[in-house]
C-alpha atoms as a PDB file:
ATOM      1  CA  MET A   1       1.819  10.971  35.341  1.00  0.00           C
ATOM      2  CA  GLU A   2       2.683   9.518  31.736  1.00  0.00           C
ATOM      3  CA  GLU A   3       2.796  12.264  29.004  1.00  0.00           C
ATOM      4  CA  VAL A   4       0.746  11.162  25.791  1.00  0.00           C
ATOM      5  CA  ALA A   5       2.006  12.151  22.299  1.00  0.00           C
ATOM      6  CA  ILE A   6      -0.428  13.530  19.915  1.00  0.00           C
ATOM      7  CA  MET A   7       0.132  12.789  16.306  1.00  0.00           C
ATOM      8  CA  ALA A   8       0.020  15.714  13.923  1.00  0.00           C
ATOM      9  CA  LYS A   9      -1.641  15.346  10.401  1.00  0.00           C
ATOM     10  CA  TYR A  10       0.042  15.915   7.238  1.00  0.00           C
ATOM     11  CA  VAL A  11      -0.527  16.047   3.893  1.00  0.00           C
ATOM     12  CA  LYS A  12       1.795  14.513   1.180  1.00  0.00           C
ATOM     13  CA  ASN A  13       3.447  17.295  -0.980  1.00  0.00           C
ATOM     14  CA  PRO A  14       2.494  17.029  -4.664  1.00  0.00           C
ATOM     15  CA  VAL A  15       5.299  15.572  -6.701  1.00  0.00           C
ATOM     16  CA  LEU A  16       5.355  15.240 -10.278  1.00  0.00           C
ATOM     17  CA  VAL A  17       6.447  11.690 -11.693  1.00  0.00           C
ATOM     18  CA  ASP A  18       6.659  10.034 -15.015  1.00  0.00           C
ATOM     19  CA  ALA A  19       4.663   7.129 -15.735  1.00  0.00           C
ATOM     20  CA  ILE A  20       3.752   4.868 -18.635  1.00  0.00           C
ATOM     21  CA  GLU A  21       1.789   1.801 -19.188  1.00  0.00           C
ATOM     22  CA  TYR A  22       3.842  -1.136 -19.146  1.00  0.00           C
ATOM     23  CA  ARG A  23       5.059  -2.353 -22.532  1.00  0.00           C
ATOM     24  CA  ARG A  24       8.154  -4.611 -23.771  1.00  0.00           C
ATOM     25  CA  GLY A  25      11.217  -2.693 -23.424  1.00  0.00           C
ATOM     26  CA  LEU A  26      10.775  -1.006 -20.047  1.00  0.00           C
ATOM     27  CA  GLU A  27      11.817  -3.788 -17.884  1.00  0.00           C
ATOM     28  CA  ASP A  28      15.380  -4.155 -16.743  1.00  0.00           C
ATOM     29  CA  GLY A  29      15.399  -8.062 -17.303  1.00  0.00           C
ATOM     30  CA  PHE A  30      13.596 -11.198 -17.442  1.00  0.00           C
ATOM     31  CA  ASP A  31      13.240 -14.294 -15.299  1.00  0.00           C
ATOM     32  CA  ASP A  32      12.017 -17.621 -16.216  1.00  0.00           C
ATOM     33  CA  ILE A  33       8.928 -18.511 -14.336  1.00  0.00           C
ATOM     34  CA  MET A  34      10.645 -21.003 -12.060  1.00  0.00           C
ATOM     35  CA  THR A  35      13.139 -18.383 -11.075  1.00  0.00           C
ATOM     36  CA  ALA A  36      10.438 -15.964 -10.309  1.00  0.00           C
ATOM     37  CA  ILE A  37       8.430 -18.450  -8.247  1.00  0.00           C
ATOM     38  CA  ASN A  38      11.473 -19.316  -6.129  1.00  0.00           C
ATOM     39  CA  SER A  39      12.102 -15.295  -5.897  1.00  0.00           C
ATOM     40  CA  GLY A  40       8.596 -14.982  -4.140  1.00  0.00           C
ATOM     41  CA  LEU A  41       6.439 -14.586  -6.977  1.00  0.00           C
ATOM     42  CA  ASP A  42       2.721 -15.334  -6.117  1.00  0.00           C
ATOM     43  CA  ILE A  43       1.564 -17.170  -9.157  1.00  0.00           C
ATOM     44  CA  THR A  44      -2.033 -17.370  -7.942  1.00  0.00           C
ATOM     45  CA  THR A  45      -2.419 -13.761  -8.452  1.00  0.00           C
ATOM     46  CA  TYR A  46       0.228 -12.838 -11.245  1.00  0.00           C
ATOM     47  CA  ILE A  47      -0.920 -12.156 -14.664  1.00  0.00           C
ATOM     48  CA  ASN A  48       2.099 -12.202 -17.079  1.00  0.00           C
ATOM     49  CA  PRO A  49       1.809  -9.357 -19.304  1.00  0.00           C
ATOM     50  CA  LEU A  50       3.851 -10.952 -22.056  1.00  0.00           C
ATOM     51  CA  ARG A  51       1.996 -14.404 -22.402  1.00  0.00           C
ATOM     52  CA  SER A  52       5.036 -16.136 -22.211  1.00  0.00           C
ATOM     53  CA  GLY A  53       7.279 -18.077 -19.870  1.00  0.00           C
ATOM     54  CA  GLU A  54       9.361 -14.888 -19.446  1.00  0.00           C
ATOM     55  CA  VAL A  55       8.628 -13.006 -16.425  1.00  0.00           C
ATOM     56  CA  PRO A  56       9.612  -9.139 -16.597  1.00  0.00           C
ATOM     57  CA  PHE A  57      10.861  -7.256 -13.688  1.00  0.00           C
ATOM     58  CA  ILE A  58      12.518  -3.897 -12.821  1.00  0.00           C
ATOM     59  CA  ARG A  59      14.991  -3.067 -10.190  1.00  0.00           C
ATOM     60  CA  THR A  60      13.750  -0.817  -7.592  1.00  0.00           C
ATOM     61  CA  LEU A  61      15.425   0.630  -4.408  1.00  0.00           C
ATOM     62  CA  GLU A  62      13.601  -2.132  -2.516  1.00  0.00           C
ATOM     63  CA  GLY A  63      15.083  -4.926  -4.872  1.00  0.00           C
ATOM     64  CA  LYS A  64      13.728  -6.804  -7.979  1.00  0.00           C
ATOM     65  CA  HIS A  65       9.896  -6.548  -8.443  1.00  0.00           C
ATOM     66  CA  TYR A  66       7.954  -8.404 -11.363  1.00  0.00           C
ATOM     67  CA  ILE A  67       5.925  -6.506 -13.599  1.00  0.00           C
ATOM     68  CA  SER A  68       2.075  -7.869 -13.920  1.00  0.00           C
ATOM     69  CA  LYS A  69      -0.531  -7.024 -16.580  1.00  0.00           C
ATOM     70  CA  ASP A  70      -1.756  -3.637 -16.580  1.00  0.00           C
ATOM     71  CA  ASP A  71       1.077  -2.108 -14.247  1.00  0.00           C
ATOM     72  CA  TYR A  72       2.328   1.473 -14.823  1.00  0.00           C
ATOM     73  CA  ILE A  73       5.936   2.071 -14.555  1.00  0.00           C
ATOM     74  CA  ILE A  74       6.579   5.075 -12.374  1.00  0.00           C
ATOM     75  CA  THR A  75       9.651   7.036 -12.340  1.00  0.00           C
ATOM     76  CA  GLY A  76      10.281   9.138  -9.140  1.00  0.00           C
ATOM     77  CA  ILE A  77      11.821  12.301  -8.495  1.00  0.00           C
ATOM     78  CA  ASP A  78      15.295  10.848  -7.911  1.00  0.00           C
ATOM     79  CA  GLY A  79      15.025   8.524 -10.902  1.00  0.00           C
ATOM     80  CA  GLU A  80      13.890   5.467  -9.181  1.00  0.00           C
ATOM     81  CA  ARG A  81      11.415   3.466 -10.901  1.00  0.00           C
ATOM     82  CA  TYR A  82       8.774   0.963  -9.688  1.00  0.00           C
ATOM     83  CA  PRO A  83       5.629  -0.856 -10.654  1.00  0.00           C
ATOM     84  CA  CYS A  84       2.227   0.431  -9.620  1.00  0.00           C
ATOM     85  CA  LYS A  85      -1.109  -1.766 -10.129  1.00  0.00           C
ATOM     86  CA  LYS A  86      -3.397   0.246 -12.663  1.00  0.00           C
ATOM     87  CA  ASN A  87      -6.091   0.701 -10.187  1.00  0.00           C
ATOM     88  CA  ILE A  88      -3.995   1.967  -7.468  1.00  0.00           C
ATOM     89  CA  PHE A  89      -2.383   4.297 -10.109  1.00  0.00           C
ATOM     90  CA  LEU A  90      -5.415   5.699 -11.372  1.00  0.00           C
ATOM     91  CA  LYS A  91      -6.853   6.415  -7.697  1.00  0.00           C
ATOM     92  CA  THR A  92      -3.446   8.197  -6.797  1.00  0.00           C
ATOM     93  CA  TYR A  93      -2.320  10.244  -9.796  1.00  0.00           C
ATOM     94  CA  THR A  94      -4.019  12.643 -12.205  1.00  0.00           C
ATOM     95  CA  LEU A  95      -2.595  13.392 -15.727  1.00  0.00           C
ATOM     96  CA  PHE A  96      -0.810  16.910 -15.448  1.00  0.00           C
ATOM     97  CA  LYS A  97      -1.523  19.179 -18.024  1.00  0.00           C
END
């Protein structure tokens, strides 16, 4: 008879991160719109926060990520940075006081 593995439930440890809503100067660089599209940017859902031909990005552990309007830039516990959509950020994080 085959043994069935039972998954255990885990709670994610609270981790303190730094975060700020994106503003010019927080990016690692810019691509022009065609470079961004050729790199996989979905222009049907993308809203450029700069209203220009420049598409801001940051380099994450997973590679280059484009920053969209209202994204938060999060710095993790090991200094890694990544963008997070505002609606997800506000559901996931609470201001530490």
